[in-house]
């Protein structure tokens, strides 16, 4: 069935909510259609906007689950944390954990269970940290290409982390870590090649950002990068995640060149109730925005996971 990815569904609502400190958060809500089967909270990745995932959100709403999402503080339509609106900045990921915990608590009391929380990339990382710190207690979790490590090339994780920490100290903390793209790349490497092989879905993102330049975000700051390495290191500590009791589906791809597929594979056995589903190297980072033959596999895994727990 055709779905217009360049239009907010007629039954969906985009509005503003407030974090506990009053910071404005742009939110999305779509009511369930058909028999009620729970509620989903969707957490996007770094620099993402929920418009990129309208297709998936609508499919989940059609399956009988209300869908809620919000832009992280400092990106999308939720303002910026630095003077340059094109630089993704945060001093500490704990800020986002606080926002997520407060938003989850309000959402859980407002929407009927079972309560499913899904996070992509940075959103998946923040979701796992919130679980590890016992800040939220959903009924089940889906992690999409979670940011549990970076593709640092020949550099060991610790060396890359030390370099990011040094640069955050010696440069302007809110200065872009590199000029463009989702990661430092050789000339000629396209942003799309890092995200998806589906030309039409990639063009959809550019279309949405052309309609509203406020939604555009470029590279992260050095301080964001330093904070990301520190946050990943917290999850890598012994027994940091082994106590998590929720059922977790992890979906990823061995073709990921933004987050580390190896780190995802290493984390999965540490989570006592996790199932890992990995696409091969034909899929890029945004597994829910890949070509149909790849995306359909991921959606089928997620649908089966949700149906077993509804």
Protein backbone atom coordinates (compact mmCIF):
# COMPACT_ATOMS: atom_id res chain seq x y z
CA UNK A 1 0.00 0.00 0.00
CA UNK A 2 1.34 3.46 -0.92
CA UNK A 3 2.42 5.67 1.95
CA UNK A 4 3.30 9.33 1.41
CA UNK A 5 6.55 9.77 3.32
CA UNK A 6 6.45 13.52 2.69
CA UNK A 7 3.25 14.18 4.61
CA UNK A 8 2.40 13.95 8.30
CA UNK A 9 -0.40 11.35 8.54
CA UNK A 10 -3.86 12.90 8.89
CA UNK A 11 -4.42 11.29 12.29
CA UNK A 12 -1.02 12.35 13.70
CA UNK A 13 -0.24 15.44 15.78
CA UNK A 14 3.00 17.45 15.97
CA UNK A 15 3.16 19.73 19.00
CA UNK A 16 5.50 21.08 21.68
CA UNK A 17 6.02 19.73 25.18
CA UNK A 18 8.27 20.92 28.00
CA UNK A 19 11.09 19.14 29.76
CA UNK A 20 11.09 19.51 33.58
CA UNK A 21 13.32 22.60 33.30
CA UNK A 22 11.01 24.17 30.71
CA UNK A 23 13.11 23.32 27.63
CA UNK A 24 10.78 22.93 24.59
CA UNK A 25 10.67 19.50 22.98
CA UNK A 26 8.98 18.96 19.62
CA UNK A 27 6.77 15.88 19.84
CA UNK A 28 4.88 13.51 17.56
CA UNK A 29 1.82 11.45 18.44
CA UNK A 30 -0.19 9.05 16.30
CA UNK A 31 -3.12 7.12 17.76
CA UNK A 32 -3.51 3.40 17.28
CA UNK A 33 -5.78 2.05 14.58
CA UNK A 34 -7.74 -1.13 15.17
CA UNK A 35 -7.52 -3.36 18.23
CA UNK A 36 -5.38 -1.85 21.00
CA UNK A 37 -2.07 -3.71 21.39
CA UNK A 38 0.05 -1.36 23.47
CA UNK A 39 2.08 1.81 22.94
CA UNK A 40 5.44 2.67 21.34
CA UNK A 41 7.89 5.42 22.22
CA UNK A 42 10.35 6.00 19.35
CA UNK A 43 13.78 7.59 20.00
CA UNK A 44 15.68 8.86 16.97
CA UNK A 45 19.43 9.11 16.47
CA UNK A 46 21.90 12.01 16.45
CA UNK A 47 20.76 14.73 14.09
CA UNK A 48 17.57 12.83 13.29
CA UNK A 49 14.01 14.08 13.03
CA UNK A 50 10.93 11.91 13.45
CA UNK A 51 9.81 12.77 9.90
CA UNK A 52 12.45 10.35 8.64
CA UNK A 53 10.56 7.45 10.24
CA UNK A 54 6.94 8.33 9.41
CA UNK A 55 6.63 5.19 7.29
CA UNK A 56 7.56 2.90 10.18
CA UNK A 57 5.61 4.89 12.76
CA UNK A 58 2.48 4.65 10.64
CA UNK A 59 2.89 0.90 10.19
CA UNK A 60 3.13 0.44 13.94
CA UNK A 61 0.07 2.63 14.49
CA UNK A 62 -1.81 0.49 11.97
CA UNK A 63 -0.86 -2.59 14.00
CA UNK A 64 -2.86 -1.30 16.98
CA UNK A 65 -0.15 0.58 18.91
CA UNK A 66 -0.13 4.30 19.58
CA UNK A 67 3.17 5.90 18.59
CA UNK A 68 4.93 8.78 20.34
CA UNK A 69 8.27 10.42 19.58
CA UNK A 70 10.19 13.60 20.31
CA UNK A 71 13.23 15.43 18.98
CA UNK A 72 16.13 15.36 21.43
CA UNK A 73 16.98 18.64 23.13
CA UNK A 74 19.47 20.44 20.89
CA UNK A 75 18.35 19.02 17.56
CA UNK A 76 15.40 18.87 15.18
CA UNK A 77 12.66 21.21 16.32
CA UNK A 78 13.78 21.16 19.96
CA UNK A 79 16.20 24.08 19.83
CA UNK A 80 19.99 24.10 19.97
CA UNK A 81 22.55 23.84 22.76
CA UNK A 82 25.17 25.95 21.01
CA UNK A 83 25.43 29.23 19.14
CA UNK A 84 25.85 27.54 15.75
CA UNK A 85 22.51 25.95 14.78
CA UNK A 86 24.28 23.54 12.42
CA UNK A 87 26.49 21.97 15.12
CA UNK A 88 25.13 19.14 17.27
CA UNK A 89 26.27 19.86 20.81
CA UNK A 90 25.79 18.56 24.33
CA UNK A 91 28.03 18.76 27.39
CA UNK A 92 27.00 15.41 28.85
CA UNK A 93 24.63 12.66 27.71
CA UNK A 94 23.16 12.72 31.22
CA UNK A 95 21.10 15.72 30.06
CA UNK A 96 19.33 13.51 27.54
CA UNK A 97 18.91 10.67 30.04
CA UNK A 98 17.09 13.12 32.33
CA UNK A 99 14.84 14.25 29.48
CA UNK A 100 14.07 10.65 28.50
CA UNK A 101 13.27 9.59 32.06
CA UNK A 102 10.82 12.47 32.55
CA UNK A 103 9.21 12.02 29.13
CA UNK A 104 8.89 8.25 29.64
CA UNK A 105 7.23 8.67 33.04
CA UNK A 106 4.59 11.01 31.62
CA UNK A 107 4.07 8.85 28.52
CA UNK A 108 3.75 5.62 30.52
CA UNK A 109 0.98 7.06 32.67
CA UNK A 110 -0.81 8.52 29.65
CA UNK A 111 -0.67 5.62 27.18
CA UNK A 112 -1.85 2.03 27.83
CA UNK A 113 0.56 -0.89 27.99
CA UNK A 114 2.34 -2.93 27.15
CA UNK A 115 4.90 -0.16 26.77
CA UNK A 116 7.53 -0.63 24.08
CA UNK A 117 10.48 1.75 23.72
CA UNK A 118 12.56 1.72 20.53
CA UNK A 119 15.75 3.63 19.86
CA UNK A 120 17.90 4.09 16.76
CA UNK A 121 21.65 4.75 16.86
CA UNK A 122 22.24 7.42 19.54
CA UNK A 123 18.63 6.93 20.61
CA UNK A 124 19.37 3.24 21.15
CA UNK A 125 22.45 4.11 23.17
CA UNK A 126 20.53 6.52 25.39
CA UNK A 127 17.77 3.95 25.81
CA UNK A 128 20.26 1.30 26.95
CA UNK A 129 21.88 3.73 29.37
CA UNK A 130 18.50 4.64 30.85
CA UNK A 131 17.80 0.93 31.35
CA UNK A 132 21.24 0.33 32.85
CA UNK A 133 20.70 3.19 35.30
CA UNK A 134 17.16 2.01 36.11
CA UNK A 135 15.71 5.35 35.04
CA UNK A 136 12.93 3.79 32.91
CA UNK A 137 11.08 0.48 33.03
CA UNK A 138 9.38 -0.38 29.72
CA UNK A 139 7.90 -3.81 29.08
CA UNK A 140 10.16 -4.52 26.10
CA UNK A 141 12.80 -2.76 24.01
CA UNK A 142 14.00 -2.57 20.40
CA UNK A 143 17.48 -1.26 19.61
CA UNK A 144 18.07 -0.28 15.97
CA UNK A 145 21.76 -0.06 15.01
CA UNK A 146 22.55 1.15 18.55
CA UNK A 147 25.56 3.39 19.10
CA UNK A 148 27.64 1.08 21.30
CA UNK A 149 30.94 1.85 19.60
CA UNK A 150 32.24 3.78 16.61
CA UNK A 151 33.93 2.79 13.40
CA UNK A 152 37.31 4.29 14.36
CA UNK A 153 39.27 2.58 11.60
CA UNK A 154 42.75 1.46 12.72
CA UNK A 155 42.57 3.50 15.96
CA UNK A 156 41.70 1.55 19.14
CA UNK A 157 38.64 2.83 20.99
CA UNK A 158 40.73 4.18 23.89
CA UNK A 159 43.02 6.15 21.57
CA UNK A 160 40.11 7.68 19.69
CA UNK A 161 38.42 8.56 23.00
CA UNK A 162 41.59 10.22 24.30
CA UNK A 163 41.95 12.25 21.11
CA UNK A 164 38.33 13.44 21.29
CA UNK A 165 38.82 14.41 24.95
CA UNK A 166 41.97 16.37 24.11
CA UNK A 167 40.31 18.21 21.22
CA UNK A 168 37.32 19.09 23.41
CA UNK A 169 39.74 20.71 25.88
CA UNK A 170 41.98 22.61 23.45
CA UNK A 171 39.33 23.84 20.98
CA UNK A 172 36.12 25.73 21.41
CA UNK A 173 33.89 23.15 23.11
CA UNK A 174 31.01 23.86 20.73
CA UNK A 175 33.09 23.91 17.54
CA UNK A 176 32.28 21.32 14.88
CA UNK A 177 34.52 18.27 15.08
CA UNK A 178 34.69 18.12 11.28
CA UNK A 179 33.31 20.11 8.34
CA UNK A 180 30.52 17.95 6.93
CA UNK A 181 29.05 14.45 6.63
CA UNK A 182 28.14 12.06 9.44
CA UNK A 183 31.79 11.18 10.14
CA UNK A 184 35.25 12.28 8.97
CA UNK A 185 35.49 10.93 5.43
CA UNK A 186 37.76 10.98 2.44
CA UNK A 187 36.81 13.39 -0.34
CA UNK A 188 34.02 11.98 -2.49
CA UNK A 189 32.44 9.79 0.19
CA UNK A 190 28.74 10.56 0.10
CA UNK A 191 26.63 10.96 3.22
CA UNK A 192 23.97 8.74 1.71
CA UNK A 193 26.37 5.80 1.37
CA UNK A 194 26.76 5.82 5.15
CA UNK A 195 23.01 5.83 5.81
CA UNK A 196 20.95 3.98 3.19
CA UNK A 197 21.09 2.51 -0.30
CA UNK A 198 17.51 3.62 -0.97
CA UNK A 199 17.66 6.80 -3.07
CA UNK A 200 14.01 7.72 -2.57
CA UNK A 201 14.06 7.42 1.22
CA UNK A 202 17.27 9.41 1.40
CA UNK A 203 15.70 12.12 -0.78
CA UNK A 204 12.74 12.24 1.61
CA UNK A 205 15.02 13.41 4.43
CA UNK A 206 16.49 16.18 2.26
CA UNK A 207 12.96 17.23 1.24
CA UNK A 208 11.79 17.61 4.85
CA UNK A 209 14.84 19.66 5.77
CA UNK A 210 14.34 21.87 2.72
CA UNK A 211 10.81 22.63 3.91
CA UNK A 212 12.08 23.77 7.32
CA UNK A 213 15.74 24.71 7.72
CA UNK A 214 15.31 24.65 11.52
CA UNK A 215 15.43 20.84 11.29
CA UNK A 216 18.89 20.78 9.69
CA UNK A 217 21.84 19.68 11.84
CA UNK A 218 25.41 19.09 10.72
CA UNK A 219 28.45 17.52 12.42
CA UNK A 220 28.75 17.15 16.20
CA UNK A 221 30.92 19.31 18.41
CA UNK A 222 34.14 17.97 19.90
CA UNK A 223 32.41 18.06 23.27
CA UNK A 224 29.56 15.91 21.93
CA UNK A 225 32.13 13.42 20.65
CA UNK A 226 33.98 13.40 23.98
CA UNK A 227 30.67 12.91 25.83
CA UNK A 228 29.74 10.06 23.46
CA UNK A 229 32.98 8.18 24.14
CA UNK A 230 32.54 8.69 27.88
CA UNK A 231 28.96 7.42 27.73
CA UNK A 232 29.95 4.34 25.72
CA UNK A 233 32.71 3.64 28.25
CA UNK A 234 30.12 3.66 31.03
CA UNK A 235 28.19 0.88 29.29
CA UNK A 236 31.39 -1.09 28.70
CA UNK A 237 32.11 -1.36 32.42
CA UNK A 238 31.75 -4.86 33.88
CA UNK A 239 28.19 -5.59 35.04
CA UNK A 240 26.90 -2.29 33.66
CA UNK A 241 24.08 -3.90 31.66
CA UNK A 242 23.93 -7.51 32.82
CA UNK A 243 21.15 -6.77 35.33
CA UNK A 244 18.69 -5.52 32.69
CA UNK A 245 15.59 -7.74 32.78
CA UNK A 246 13.61 -6.44 29.78
CA UNK A 247 13.23 -8.48 26.61
CA UNK A 248 15.34 -6.74 23.97
CA UNK A 249 15.48 -7.10 20.20
CA UNK A 250 18.68 -5.72 18.67
CA UNK A 251 18.71 -5.15 14.92
CA UNK A 252 21.81 -4.01 13.06
CA UNK A 253 23.94 -4.54 10.01
CA UNK A 254 27.45 -5.74 9.30
CA UNK A 255 27.57 -3.04 6.63
CA UNK A 256 27.42 -0.24 9.22
CA UNK A 257 30.19 2.35 8.85
CA UNK A 258 28.92 4.77 11.48
CA UNK A 259 28.49 2.62 14.57
CA UNK A 260 30.49 -0.52 15.21
CA UNK A 261 28.83 -3.83 14.23
CA UNK A 262 31.43 -5.63 16.34
CA UNK A 263 30.43 -3.62 19.41
CA UNK A 264 26.78 -4.57 18.83
CA UNK A 265 27.72 -8.24 18.58
CA UNK A 266 29.83 -7.97 21.75
CA UNK A 267 27.03 -6.32 23.73
CA UNK A 268 24.24 -8.73 22.81
CA UNK A 269 25.47 -11.67 24.96
CA UNK A 270 25.77 -9.34 27.95
CA UNK A 271 22.03 -8.67 27.91
CA UNK A 272 20.34 -11.72 29.46
CA UNK A 273 17.08 -11.42 27.50
CA UNK A 274 18.30 -10.08 24.16
CA UNK A 275 17.87 -11.41 20.65
CA UNK A 276 20.26 -10.21 17.93
CA UNK A 277 19.27 -9.88 14.27
CA UNK A 278 22.00 -8.65 11.91
CA UNK A 279 21.66 -7.85 8.23
CA UNK A 280 24.65 -8.52 5.98
CA UNK A 281 26.98 -5.92 4.48
CA UNK A 282 24.42 -4.94 1.83
CA UNK A 283 22.61 -2.77 4.39
CA UNK A 284 23.82 0.58 5.71
CA UNK A 285 23.25 2.22 9.09
CA UNK A 286 19.58 3.23 8.78
CA UNK A 287 18.11 -0.26 8.61
CA UNK A 288 14.53 1.05 8.81
CA UNK A 289 15.13 3.29 5.80
CA UNK A 290 16.92 0.79 3.58
CA UNK A 291 15.71 -0.75 0.33
CA UNK A 292 12.45 -2.68 0.69
CA UNK A 293 14.02 -6.14 0.52
CA UNK A 294 16.25 -5.26 3.50
CA UNK A 295 13.85 -3.07 5.45
CA UNK A 296 11.09 -5.68 5.18
CA UNK A 297 13.30 -8.19 6.99
CA UNK A 298 13.85 -5.79 9.88
CA UNK A 299 10.18 -4.86 10.10
CA UNK A 300 9.22 -8.54 10.14
CA UNK A 301 11.57 -9.19 13.07
CA UNK A 302 10.21 -6.20 14.98
CA UNK A 303 6.58 -7.16 14.25
CA UNK A 304 7.12 -10.71 15.49
CA UNK A 305 8.86 -9.40 18.61
CA UNK A 306 6.02 -6.98 19.42
CA UNK A 307 3.28 -9.52 18.66
CA UNK A 308 4.81 -12.04 21.06
CA UNK A 309 4.69 -9.44 23.84
CA UNK A 310 1.30 -7.82 23.18
